[in-house]
Amino acid sequence: FPLKQNKEYGNYFCIHGGGFGTQNWLYVLPKHNLGISI
């Protein structure tokens, strides 16, 4: 799980998945008790 940082998000985890016919991102932002998948 790659760890990133910025002022607004704080420390957050994000990862991309891409295949033959699928693409998605998953983000986890512990500072904001926020997670998102697209």
Full PDB file with SEQRES, HELIX, SHEET, SSBOND, CRYST1, ORIGX, SCALE, CONECT and MASTER records, all heavy atoms in Angstrom:
SEQRES   1 A   38  PHE PRO LEU LYS GLN ASN LYS GLU TYR GLY ASN TYR PHE          
SEQRES   2 A   38  CYS ILE HIS GLY GLY GLY PHE GLY THR GLN ASN TRP LEU          
SEQRES   3 A   38  TYR VAL LEU PRO LYS HIS ASN LEU GLY ILE SER ILE              
HELIX    1 AA1 PRO A   30  HIS A   32  5                                   3    
SHEET    1 AA1 4 LEU A   3  ASN A   6  0                                        
SHEET    2 AA1 4 GLY A  10  GLY A  18 -1                                        
SHEET    3 AA1 4 GLN A  23  LEU A  29 -1                                        
SHEET    4 AA1 4 LEU A  34  SER A  37 -1                                        
CRYST1    1.000    1.000    1.000  90.00  90.00  90.00 P 1           1          
ORIGX1      1.000000  0.000000  0.000000        0.00000                         
ORIGX2      0.000000  1.000000  0.000000        0.00000                         
ORIGX3      0.000000  0.000000  1.000000        0.00000                         
SCALE1      1.000000  0.000000  0.000000        0.00000                         
SCALE2      0.000000  1.000000  0.000000        0.00000                         
SCALE3      0.000000  0.000000  1.000000        0.00000                         
ATOM      1  N   PHE A   1       0.858  -1.193   0.000  1.00  0.00           N  
ATOM      2  CA  PHE A   1       0.000   0.000   0.000  1.00  0.00           C  
ATOM      3  C   PHE A   1       0.892   1.241   0.000  1.00  0.00           C  
ATOM      4  O   PHE A   1       1.551   1.537   0.996  1.00  0.00           O  
ATOM      5  CB  PHE A   1      -0.900   0.004   1.238  1.00  0.00           C  
ATOM      6  CG  PHE A   1      -2.343   0.310   0.952  1.00  0.00           C  
ATOM      7  CD1 PHE A   1      -3.339  -0.201   1.765  1.00  0.00           C  
ATOM      8  CD2 PHE A   1      -2.714   1.120  -0.115  1.00  0.00           C  
ATOM      9  CE1 PHE A   1      -4.685   0.067   1.523  1.00  0.00           C  
ATOM     10  CE2 PHE A   1      -4.043   1.395  -0.372  1.00  0.00           C  
ATOM     11  CZ  PHE A   1      -5.033   0.870   0.444  1.00  0.00           C  
ATOM     12  N   PRO A   2       0.949   2.003  -1.116  1.00  0.00           N  
ATOM     13  CA  PRO A   2       1.742   3.230  -1.127  1.00  0.00           C  
ATOM     14  C   PRO A   2       1.163   4.270  -0.171  1.00  0.00           C  
ATOM     15  O   PRO A   2      -0.055   4.470  -0.117  1.00  0.00           O  
ATOM     16  CB  PRO A   2       1.625   3.706  -2.584  1.00  0.00           C  
ATOM     17  CG  PRO A   2       1.206   2.499  -3.365  1.00  0.00           C  
ATOM     18  CD  PRO A   2       0.352   1.703  -2.430  1.00  0.00           C  
ATOM     19  N   LEU A   3       2.040   4.920   0.575  1.00  0.00           N  
ATOM     20  CA  LEU A   3       1.641   5.981   1.492  1.00  0.00           C  
ATOM     21  C   LEU A   3       2.022   7.330   0.891  1.00  0.00           C  
ATOM     22  O   LEU A   3       3.158   7.524   0.441  1.00  0.00           O  
ATOM     23  CB  LEU A   3       2.329   5.808   2.845  1.00  0.00           C  
ATOM     24  CG  LEU A   3       2.077   6.909   3.885  1.00  0.00           C  
ATOM     25  CD1 LEU A   3       0.625   6.922   4.329  1.00  0.00           C  
ATOM     26  CD2 LEU A   3       3.010   6.740   5.086  1.00  0.00           C  
ATOM     27  N   LYS A   4       1.066   8.252   0.884  1.00  0.00           N  
ATOM     28  CA  LYS A   4       1.281   9.601   0.362  1.00  0.00           C  
ATOM     29  C   LYS A   4       0.977  10.612   1.465  1.00  0.00           C  
ATOM     30  O   LYS A   4       0.353  10.287   2.473  1.00  0.00           O  
ATOM     31  CB  LYS A   4       0.377   9.874  -0.847  1.00  0.00           C  
ATOM     32  CG  LYS A   4       0.402   8.807  -1.927  1.00  0.00           C  
ATOM     33  CD  LYS A   4       1.664   8.868  -2.746  1.00  0.00           C  
ATOM     34  CE  LYS A   4       1.606   7.875  -3.909  1.00  0.00           C  
ATOM     35  NZ  LYS A   4       2.839   7.913  -4.731  1.00  0.00           N  
ATOM     36  N   GLN A   5       1.400  11.853   1.246  1.00  0.00           N  
ATOM     37  CA  GLN A   5       1.064  12.926   2.182  1.00  0.00           C  
ATOM     38  C   GLN A   5       0.789  14.217   1.426  1.00  0.00           C  
ATOM     39  O   GLN A   5       1.433  14.499   0.410  1.00  0.00           O  
ATOM     40  CB  GLN A   5       2.213  13.202   3.165  1.00  0.00           C  
ATOM     41  CG  GLN A   5       2.654  12.053   4.025  1.00  0.00           C  
ATOM     42  CD  GLN A   5       3.869  11.344   3.486  1.00  0.00           C  
ATOM     43  OE1 GLN A   5       4.531  11.826   2.580  1.00  0.00           O  
ATOM     44  NE2 GLN A   5       4.168  10.181   4.041  1.00  0.00           N  
ATOM     45  N   ASN A   6      -0.197  14.956   1.895  1.00  0.00           N  
ATOM     46  CA  ASN A   6      -0.308  16.359   1.525  1.00  0.00           C  
ATOM     47  C   ASN A   6      -1.043  17.097   2.635  1.00  0.00           C  
ATOM     48  O   ASN A   6      -1.589  16.481   3.554  1.00  0.00           O  
ATOM     49  CB  ASN A   6      -0.946  16.580   0.136  1.00  0.00           C  
ATOM     50  CG  ASN A   6      -2.425  16.246   0.093  1.00  0.00           C  
ATOM     51  OD1 ASN A   6      -3.154  16.403   1.073  1.00  0.00           O  
ATOM     52  ND2 ASN A   6      -2.877  15.776  -1.053  1.00  0.00           N  
ATOM     53  N   LYS A   7      -1.060  18.409   2.561  1.00  0.00           N  
ATOM     54  CA  LYS A   7      -1.594  19.232   3.642  1.00  0.00           C  
ATOM     55  C   LYS A   7      -3.068  18.956   3.909  1.00  0.00           C  
ATOM     56  O   LYS A   7      -3.504  18.869   5.055  1.00  0.00           O  
ATOM     57  CB  LYS A   7      -1.393  20.715   3.307  1.00  0.00           C  
ATOM     58  CG  LYS A   7      -1.825  21.668   4.409  1.00  0.00           C  
ATOM     59  CD  LYS A   7      -1.549  23.110   4.021  1.00  0.00           C  
ATOM     60  CE  LYS A   7      -2.002  24.066   5.120  1.00  0.00           C  
ATOM     61  NZ  LYS A   7      -1.741  25.483   4.740  1.00  0.00           N  
ATOM     62  N   GLU A   8      -3.855  18.813   2.826  1.00  0.00           N  
ATOM     63  CA  GLU A   8      -5.294  18.640   2.978  1.00  0.00           C  
ATOM     64  C   GLU A   8      -5.654  17.214   3.415  1.00  0.00           C  
ATOM     65  O   GLU A   8      -6.490  17.021   4.291  1.00  0.00           O  
ATOM     66  CB  GLU A   8      -6.021  18.957   1.659  1.00  0.00           C  
ATOM     67  CG  GLU A   8      -5.982  20.419   1.254  1.00  0.00           C  
ATOM     68  CD  GLU A   8      -4.648  20.832   0.675  1.00  0.00           C  
ATOM     69  OE1 GLU A   8      -3.883  19.937   0.203  1.00  0.00           O  
ATOM     70  OE2 GLU A   8      -4.332  22.039   0.707  1.00  0.00           O  
ATOM     71  N   TYR A   9      -5.005  16.226   2.822  1.00  0.00           N  
ATOM     72  CA  TYR A   9      -5.377  14.841   3.076  1.00  0.00           C  
ATOM     73  C   TYR A   9      -4.695  14.261   4.312  1.00  0.00           C  
ATOM     74  O   TYR A   9      -5.183  13.301   4.892  1.00  0.00           O  
ATOM     75  CB  TYR A   9      -5.021  13.954   1.889  1.00  0.00           C  
ATOM     76  CG  TYR A   9      -5.777  14.231   0.611  1.00  0.00           C  
ATOM     77  CD1 TYR A   9      -6.698  15.272   0.507  1.00  0.00           C  
ATOM     78  CD2 TYR A   9      -5.574  13.440  -0.515  1.00  0.00           C  
ATOM     79  CE1 TYR A   9      -7.383  15.519  -0.663  1.00  0.00           C  
ATOM     80  CE2 TYR A   9      -6.258  13.677  -1.708  1.00  0.00           C  
ATOM     81  CZ  TYR A   9      -7.151  14.725  -1.770  1.00  0.00           C  
ATOM     82  OH  TYR A   9      -7.828  14.960  -2.936  1.00  0.00           O  
ATOM     83  N   GLY A  10      -3.545  14.842   4.690  1.00  0.00           N  
ATOM     84  CA  GLY A  10      -2.725  14.228   5.721  1.00  0.00           C  
ATOM     85  C   GLY A  10      -1.997  13.025   5.144  1.00  0.00           C  
ATOM     86  O   GLY A  10      -1.709  12.973   3.942  1.00  0.00           O  
ATOM     87  N   ASN A  11      -1.678  12.037   5.972  1.00  0.00           N  
ATOM     88  CA  ASN A  11      -1.109  10.782   5.476  1.00  0.00           C  
ATOM     89  C   ASN A  11      -2.247   9.922   4.934  1.00  0.00           C  
ATOM     90  O   ASN A  11      -3.222   9.671   5.639  1.00  0.00           O  
ATOM     91  CB  ASN A  11      -0.402  10.022   6.594  1.00  0.00           C  
ATOM     92  CG  ASN A  11       0.866  10.717   7.052  1.00  0.00           C  
ATOM     93  OD1 ASN A  11       1.447  11.512   6.323  1.00  0.00           O  
ATOM     94  ND2 ASN A  11       1.304  10.420   8.261  1.00  0.00           N  
ATOM     95  N   TYR A  12      -2.114   9.490   3.694  1.00  0.00           N  
ATOM     96  CA  TYR A  12      -3.185   8.685   3.107  1.00  0.00           C  
ATOM     97  C   TYR A  12      -2.598   7.594   2.217  1.00  0.00           C  
ATOM     98  O   TYR A  12      -1.462   7.682   1.750  1.00  0.00           O  
ATOM     99  CB  TYR A  12      -4.162   9.556   2.310  1.00  0.00           C  
ATOM    100  CG  TYR A  12      -3.591  10.176   1.045  1.00  0.00           C  
ATOM    101  CD1 TYR A  12      -3.830   9.599  -0.201  1.00  0.00           C  
ATOM    102  CD2 TYR A  12      -2.819  11.334   1.085  1.00  0.00           C  
ATOM    103  CE1 TYR A  12      -3.315  10.156  -1.365  1.00  0.00           C  
ATOM    104  CE2 TYR A  12      -2.307  11.902  -0.072  1.00  0.00           C  
ATOM    105  CZ  TYR A  12      -2.556  11.313  -1.286  1.00  0.00           C  
ATOM    106  OH  TYR A  12      -2.043  11.870  -2.438  1.00  0.00           O  
ATOM    107  N   PHE A  13      -3.403   6.539   2.018  1.00  0.00           N  
ATOM    108  CA  PHE A  13      -2.994   5.409   1.202  1.00  0.00           C  
ATOM    109  C   PHE A  13      -3.801   5.412  -0.090  1.00  0.00           C  
ATOM    110  O   PHE A  13      -5.004   5.685  -0.078  1.00  0.00           O  
ATOM    111  CB  PHE A  13      -3.237   4.098   1.949  1.00  0.00           C  
ATOM    112  CG  PHE A  13      -2.443   3.969   3.209  1.00  0.00           C  
ATOM    113  CD1 PHE A  13      -2.967   4.407   4.422  1.00  0.00           C  
ATOM    114  CD2 PHE A  13      -1.167   3.419   3.193  1.00  0.00           C  
ATOM    115  CE1 PHE A  13      -2.235   4.295   5.592  1.00  0.00           C  
ATOM    116  CE2 PHE A  13      -0.429   3.306   4.356  1.00  0.00           C  
ATOM    117  CZ  PHE A  13      -0.959   3.745   5.562  1.00  0.00           C  
ATOM    118  N   CYS A  14      -3.140   5.126  -1.194  1.00  0.00           N  
ATOM    119  CA  CYS A  14      -3.871   5.030  -2.462  1.00  0.00           C  
ATOM    120  C   CYS A  14      -3.195   4.019  -3.360  1.00  0.00           C  
ATOM    121  O   CYS A  14      -1.980   3.846  -3.330  1.00  0.00           O  
ATOM    122  CB  CYS A  14      -3.953   6.384  -3.154  1.00  0.00           C  
ATOM    123  SG  CYS A  14      -2.383   7.016  -3.768  1.00  0.00           S  
ATOM    124  N   ILE A  15      -4.010   3.326  -4.137  1.00  0.00           N  
ATOM    125  CA  ILE A  15      -3.472   2.332  -5.066  1.00  0.00           C  
ATOM    126  C   ILE A  15      -4.375   2.241  -6.288  1.00  0.00           C  
ATOM    127  O   ILE A  15      -5.598   2.378  -6.195  1.00  0.00           O  
ATOM    128  CB  ILE A  15      -3.321   0.956  -4.394  1.00  0.00           C  
ATOM    129  CG1 ILE A  15      -2.582  -0.026  -5.324  1.00  0.00           C  
ATOM    130  CG2 ILE A  15      -4.658   0.401  -3.941  1.00  0.00           C  
ATOM    131  CD1 ILE A  15      -2.099  -1.293  -4.626  1.00  0.00           C  
ATOM    132  N   HIS A  16      -3.749   2.022  -7.423  1.00  0.00           N  
ATOM    133  CA  HIS A  16      -4.454   1.891  -8.703  1.00  0.00           C  
ATOM    134  C   HIS A  16      -4.399   0.436  -9.159  1.00  0.00           C  
ATOM    135  O   HIS A  16      -3.402  -0.260  -8.971  1.00  0.00           O  
ATOM    136  CB  HIS A  16      -3.793   2.789  -9.754  1.00  0.00           C  
ATOM    137  CG  HIS A  16      -4.147   2.425 -11.160  1.00  0.00           C  
ATOM    138  ND1 HIS A  16      -3.276   1.754 -12.002  1.00  0.00           N  
ATOM    139  CD2 HIS A  16      -5.287   2.620 -11.865  1.00  0.00           C  
ATOM    140  CE1 HIS A  16      -3.863   1.566 -13.173  1.00  0.00           C  
ATOM    141  NE2 HIS A  16      -5.075   2.078 -13.120  1.00  0.00           N  
ATOM    142  N   GLY A  17      -5.496  -0.005  -9.759  1.00  0.00           N  
ATOM    143  CA  GLY A  17      -5.532  -1.324 -10.370  1.00  0.00           C  
ATOM    144  C   GLY A  17      -6.026  -1.225 -11.798  1.00  0.00           C  
ATOM    145  O   GLY A  17      -7.071  -0.628 -12.051  1.00  0.00           O  
ATOM    146  N   GLY A  18      -5.266  -1.781 -12.721  1.00  0.00           N  
ATOM    147  CA  GLY A  18      -5.671  -1.735 -14.125  1.00  0.00           C  
ATOM    148  C   GLY A  18      -5.458  -3.073 -14.799  1.00  0.00           C  
ATOM    149  O   GLY A  18      -4.394  -3.691 -14.642  1.00  0.00           O  
ATOM    150  N   GLY A  19      -6.462  -3.538 -15.530  1.00  0.00           N  
ATOM    151  CA  GLY A  19      -6.353  -4.803 -16.233  1.00  0.00           C  
ATOM    152  C   GLY A  19      -6.796  -4.674 -17.670  1.00  0.00           C  
ATOM    153  O   GLY A  19      -6.913  -3.573 -18.217  1.00  0.00           O  
ATOM    154  N   PHE A  20      -7.060  -5.808 -18.308  1.00  0.00           N  
ATOM    155  CA  PHE A  20      -7.455  -5.819 -19.714  1.00  0.00           C  
ATOM    156  C   PHE A  20      -8.679  -4.932 -19.959  1.00  0.00           C  
ATOM    157  O   PHE A  20      -8.707  -4.162 -20.905  1.00  0.00           O  
ATOM    158  CB  PHE A  20      -7.799  -7.246 -20.158  1.00  0.00           C  
ATOM    159  CG  PHE A  20      -6.656  -8.213 -20.128  1.00  0.00           C  
ATOM    160  CD1 PHE A  20      -6.897  -9.585 -20.095  1.00  0.00           C  
ATOM    161  CD2 PHE A  20      -5.337  -7.783 -20.149  1.00  0.00           C  
ATOM    162  CE1 PHE A  20      -5.854 -10.497 -20.082  1.00  0.00           C  
ATOM    163  CE2 PHE A  20      -4.284  -8.687 -20.133  1.00  0.00           C  
ATOM    164  CZ  PHE A  20      -4.548 -10.048 -20.093  1.00  0.00           C  
ATOM    165  N   GLY A  21      -9.691  -5.083 -19.097  1.00  0.00           N  
ATOM    166  CA  GLY A  21     -10.936  -4.332 -19.299  1.00  0.00           C  
ATOM    167  C   GLY A  21     -11.482  -3.771 -18.008  1.00  0.00           C  
ATOM    168  O   GLY A  21     -12.699  -3.723 -17.805  1.00  0.00           O  
ATOM    169  N   THR A  22     -10.592  -3.334 -17.143  1.00  0.00           N  
ATOM    170  CA  THR A  22     -11.020  -2.771 -15.862  1.00  0.00           C  
ATOM    171  C   THR A  22      -9.989  -1.766 -15.363  1.00  0.00           C  
ATOM    172  O   THR A  22      -8.789  -1.945 -15.592  1.00  0.00           O  
ATOM    173  CB  THR A  22     -11.209  -3.884 -14.810  1.00  0.00           C  
ATOM    174  OG1 THR A  22     -11.679  -3.320 -13.590  1.00  0.00           O  
ATOM    175  CG2 THR A  22      -9.913  -4.618 -14.526  1.00  0.00           C  
ATOM    176  N   GLN A  23     -10.481  -0.719 -14.708  1.00  0.00           N  
ATOM    177  CA  GLN A  23      -9.606   0.266 -14.090  1.00  0.00           C  
ATOM    178  C   GLN A  23     -10.260   0.724 -12.792  1.00  0.00           C  
ATOM    179  O   GLN A  23     -11.477   0.928 -12.740  1.00  0.00           O  
ATOM    180  CB  GLN A  23      -9.391   1.481 -15.004  1.00  0.00           C  
ATOM    181  CG  GLN A  23      -8.614   1.202 -16.276  1.00  0.00           C  
ATOM    182  CD  GLN A  23      -7.117   1.056 -16.027  1.00  0.00           C  
ATOM    183  OE1 GLN A  23      -6.592   1.494 -15.004  1.00  0.00           O  
ATOM    184  NE2 GLN A  23      -6.427   0.436 -16.979  1.00  0.00           N  
ATOM    185  N   ASN A  24      -9.456   0.886 -11.747  1.00  0.00           N  
ATOM    186  CA  ASN A  24     -10.013   1.363 -10.480  1.00  0.00           C  
ATOM    187  C   ASN A  24      -8.949   1.992  -9.604  1.00  0.00           C  
ATOM    188  O   ASN A  24      -7.753   1.725  -9.751  1.00  0.00           O  
ATOM    189  CB  ASN A  24     -10.731   0.227  -9.740  1.00  0.00           C  
ATOM    190  CG  ASN A  24      -9.806  -0.816  -9.151  1.00  0.00           C  
ATOM    191  OD1 ASN A  24      -9.706  -0.955  -7.934  1.00  0.00           O  
ATOM    192  ND2 ASN A  24      -9.120  -1.583  -9.998  1.00  0.00           N  
ATOM    193  N   TRP A  25      -9.415   2.854  -8.713  1.00  0.00           N  
ATOM    194  CA  TRP A  25      -8.573   3.454  -7.677  1.00  0.00           C  
ATOM    195  C   TRP A  25      -9.219   3.201  -6.327  1.00  0.00           C  
ATOM    196  O   TRP A  25     -10.450   3.206  -6.204  1.00  0.00           O  
ATOM    197  CB  TRP A  25      -8.447   4.962  -7.872  1.00  0.00           C  
ATOM    198  CG  TRP A  25      -7.515   5.396  -8.949  1.00  0.00           C  
ATOM    199  CD1 TRP A  25      -7.842   5.671 -10.247  1.00  0.00           C  
ATOM    200  CD2 TRP A  25      -6.108   5.651  -8.823  1.00  0.00           C  
ATOM    201  NE1 TRP A  25      -6.717   6.067 -10.943  1.00  0.00           N  
ATOM    202  CE2 TRP A  25      -5.647   6.066 -10.093  1.00  0.00           C  
ATOM    203  CE3 TRP A  25      -5.205   5.556  -7.762  1.00  0.00           C  
ATOM    204  CZ2 TRP A  25      -4.312   6.396 -10.323  1.00  0.00           C  
ATOM    205  CZ3 TRP A  25      -3.877   5.881  -7.994  1.00  0.00           C  
ATOM    206  CH2 TRP A  25      -3.442   6.290  -9.264  1.00  0.00           C  
ATOM    207  N   LEU A  26      -8.380   3.029  -5.316  1.00  0.00           N  
ATOM    208  CA  LEU A  26      -8.866   2.918  -3.940  1.00  0.00           C  
ATOM    209  C   LEU A  26      -8.032   3.853  -3.064  1.00  0.00           C  
ATOM    210  O   LEU A  26      -6.799   3.786  -3.079  1.00  0.00           O  
ATOM    211  CB  LEU A  26      -8.767   1.481  -3.450  1.00  0.00           C  
ATOM    212  CG  LEU A  26      -9.437   1.178  -2.105  1.00  0.00           C  
ATOM    213  CD1 LEU A  26      -9.992  -0.248  -2.104  1.00  0.00           C  
ATOM    214  CD2 LEU A  26      -8.462   1.342  -0.934  1.00  0.00           C  
ATOM    215  N   TYR A  27      -8.709   4.735  -2.337  1.00  0.00           N  
ATOM    216  CA  TYR A  27      -8.062   5.702  -1.444  1.00  0.00           C  
ATOM    217  C   TYR A  27      -8.549   5.490  -0.020  1.00  0.00           C  
ATOM    218  O   TYR A  27      -9.738   5.259   0.218  1.00  0.00           O  
ATOM    219  CB  TYR A  27      -8.419   7.128  -1.847  1.00  0.00           C  
ATOM    220  CG  TYR A  27      -7.519   7.768  -2.880  1.00  0.00           C  
ATOM    221  CD1 TYR A  27      -7.248   7.144  -4.095  1.00  0.00           C  
ATOM    222  CD2 TYR A  27      -6.947   9.016  -2.658  1.00  0.00           C  
ATOM    223  CE1 TYR A  27      -6.439   7.741  -5.043  1.00  0.00           C  
ATOM    224  CE2 TYR A  27      -6.141   9.631  -3.606  1.00  0.00           C  
ATOM    225  CZ  TYR A  27      -5.887   8.985  -4.794  1.00  0.00           C  
ATOM    226  OH  TYR A  27      -5.089   9.580  -5.742  1.00  0.00           O  
ATOM    227  N   VAL A  28      -7.633   5.617   0.934  1.00  0.00           N  
ATOM    228  CA  VAL A  28      -7.967   5.571   2.359  1.00  0.00           C  
ATOM    229  C   VAL A  28      -7.310   6.776   3.033  1.00  0.00           C  
ATOM    230  O   VAL A  28      -6.079   6.907   3.014  1.00  0.00           O  
ATOM    231  CB  VAL A  28      -7.469   4.261   3.013  1.00  0.00           C  
ATOM    232  CG1 VAL A  28      -7.728   4.289   4.515  1.00  0.00           C  
ATOM    233  CG2 VAL A  28      -8.147   3.053   2.377  1.00  0.00           C  
ATOM    234  N   LEU A  29      -8.138   7.661   3.605  1.00  0.00           N  
ATOM    235  CA  LEU A  29      -7.657   8.875   4.256  1.00  0.00           C  
ATOM    236  C   LEU A  29      -8.005   8.814   5.748  1.00  0.00           C  
ATOM    237  O   LEU A  29      -9.049   9.310   6.187  1.00  0.00           O  
ATOM    238  CB  LEU A  29      -8.299  10.130   3.637  1.00  0.00           C  
ATOM    239  CG  LEU A  29      -7.854  10.581   2.247  1.00  0.00           C  
ATOM    240  CD1 LEU A  29      -8.299   9.624   1.163  1.00  0.00           C  
ATOM    241  CD2 LEU A  29      -8.366  11.981   1.945  1.00  0.00           C  
ATOM    242  N   PRO A  30      -7.139   8.214   6.568  1.00  0.00           N  
ATOM    243  CA  PRO A  30      -7.455   8.045   7.992  1.00  0.00           C  
ATOM    244  C   PRO A  30      -7.744   9.354   8.716  1.00  0.00           C  
ATOM    245  O   PRO A  30      -8.618   9.397   9.597  1.00  0.00           O  
ATOM    246  CB  PRO A  30      -6.185   7.377   8.547  1.00  0.00           C  
ATOM    247  CG  PRO A  30      -5.589   6.658   7.372  1.00  0.00           C  
ATOM    248  CD  PRO A  30      -5.871   7.556   6.206  1.00  0.00           C  
ATOM    249  N   LYS A  31      -7.045  10.431   8.372  1.00  0.00           N  
ATOM    250  CA  LYS A  31      -7.234  11.715   9.052  1.00  0.00           C  
ATOM    251  C   LYS A  31      -8.679  12.182   8.979  1.00  0.00           C  
ATOM    252  O   LYS A  31      -9.199  12.801   9.924  1.00  0.00           O  
ATOM    253  CB  LYS A  31      -6.308  12.768   8.431  1.00  0.00           C  
ATOM    254  CG  LYS A  31      -6.484  14.170   8.983  1.00  0.00           C  
ATOM    255  CD  LYS A  31      -5.568  15.157   8.273  1.00  0.00           C  
ATOM    256  CE  LYS A  31      -5.833  16.588   8.742  1.00  0.00           C  
ATOM    257  NZ  LYS A  31      -4.940  17.562   8.045  1.00  0.00           N  
ATOM    258  N   HIS A  32      -9.343  11.891   7.869  1.00  0.00           N  
ATOM    259  CA  HIS A  32     -10.709  12.362   7.643  1.00  0.00           C  
ATOM    260  C   HIS A  32     -11.746  11.253   7.773  1.00  0.00           C  
ATOM    261  O   HIS A  32     -12.916  11.477   7.448  1.00  0.00           O  
ATOM    262  CB  HIS A  32     -10.801  13.009   6.257  1.00  0.00           C  
ATOM    263  CG  HIS A  32      -9.898  14.191   6.086  1.00  0.00           C  
ATOM    264  ND1 HIS A  32     -10.167  15.422   6.634  1.00  0.00           N  
ATOM    265  CD2 HIS A  32      -8.704  14.313   5.433  1.00  0.00           C  
ATOM    266  CE1 HIS A  32      -9.191  16.261   6.330  1.00  0.00           C  
ATOM    267  NE2 HIS A  32      -8.291  15.615   5.596  1.00  0.00           N  
ATOM    268  N   ASN A  33     -11.302  10.071   8.244  1.00  0.00           N  
ATOM    269  CA  ASN A  33     -12.207   8.925   8.338  1.00  0.00           C  
ATOM    270  C   ASN A  33     -12.963   8.745   7.019  1.00  0.00           C  
ATOM    271  O   ASN A  33     -14.175   8.580   6.980  1.00  0.00           O  
ATOM    272  CB  ASN A  33     -13.197   9.102   9.490  1.00  0.00           C  
ATOM    273  CG  ASN A  33     -13.890   7.802   9.867  1.00  0.00           C  
ATOM    274  OD1 ASN A  33     -13.405   6.718   9.560  1.00  0.00           O  
ATOM    275  ND2 ASN A  33     -15.033   7.894  10.519  1.00  0.00           N  
ATOM    276  N   LEU A  34     -12.197   8.780   5.928  1.00  0.00           N  
ATOM    277  CA  LEU A  34     -12.750   8.776   4.576  1.00  0.00           C  
ATOM    278  C   LEU A  34     -12.045   7.742   3.714  1.00  0.00           C  
ATOM    279  O   LEU A  34     -10.817   7.631   3.725  1.00  0.00           O  
ATOM    280  CB  LEU A  34     -12.595  10.169   3.952  1.00  0.00           C  
ATOM    281  CG  LEU A  34     -12.876  10.324   2.455  1.00  0.00           C  
ATOM    282  CD1 LEU A  34     -14.330  10.020   2.130  1.00  0.00           C  
ATOM    283  CD2 LEU A  34     -12.505  11.734   1.994  1.00  0.00           C  
ATOM    284  N   GLY A  35     -12.832   6.984   2.964  1.00  0.00           N  
ATOM    285  CA  GLY A  35     -12.292   6.067   1.975  1.00  0.00           C  
ATOM    286  C   GLY A  35     -13.164   6.097   0.739  1.00  0.00           C  
ATOM    287  O   GLY A  35     -14.363   6.388   0.822  1.00  0.00           O  
ATOM    288  N   ILE A  36     -12.572   5.822  -0.404  1.00  0.00           N  
ATOM    289  CA  ILE A  36     -13.345   5.881  -1.647  1.00  0.00           C  
ATOM    290  C   ILE A  36     -12.798   4.873  -2.647  1.00  0.00           C  
ATOM    291  O   ILE A  36     -11.588   4.636  -2.739  1.00  0.00           O  
ATOM    292  CB  ILE A  36     -13.326   7.311  -2.253  1.00  0.00           C  
ATOM    293  CG1 ILE A  36     -14.177   7.381  -3.520  1.00  0.00           C  
ATOM    294  CG2 ILE A  36     -11.919   7.790  -2.487  1.00  0.00           C  
ATOM    295  CD1 ILE A  36     -14.413   8.807  -4.005  1.00  0.00           C  
ATOM    296  N   SER A  37     -13.721   4.257  -3.395  1.00  0.00           N  
ATOM    297  CA  SER A  37     -13.366   3.355  -4.492  1.00  0.00           C  
ATOM    298  C   SER A  37     -14.132   3.782  -5.731  1.00  0.00           C  
ATOM    299  O   SER A  37     -15.324   4.088  -5.656  1.00  0.00           O  
ATOM    300  CB  SER A  37     -13.724   1.911  -4.135  1.00  0.00           C  
ATOM    301  OG  SER A  37     -13.547   1.054  -5.255  1.00  0.00           O  
ATOM    302  N   ILE A  38     -13.443   3.810  -6.854  1.00  0.00           N  
ATOM    303  CA  ILE A  38     -14.083   4.129  -8.131  1.00  0.00           C  
ATOM    304  C   ILE A  38     -13.644   3.095  -9.157  1.00  0.00           C  
ATOM    305  O   ILE A  38     -12.459   2.780  -9.270  1.00  0.00           O  
ATOM    306  CB  ILE A  38     -13.741   5.567  -8.594  1.00  0.00           C  
ATOM    307  CG1 ILE A  38     -14.475   5.909  -9.900  1.00  0.00           C  
ATOM    308  CG2 ILE A  38     -12.244   5.782  -8.721  1.00  0.00           C  
ATOM    309  CD1 ILE A  38     -14.396   7.385 -10.280  1.00  0.00           C  
TER     310      ILE A  38                                                      
MASTER        0    0    0    1    4    0    0    6  309    1    0    3          
END                                                                             
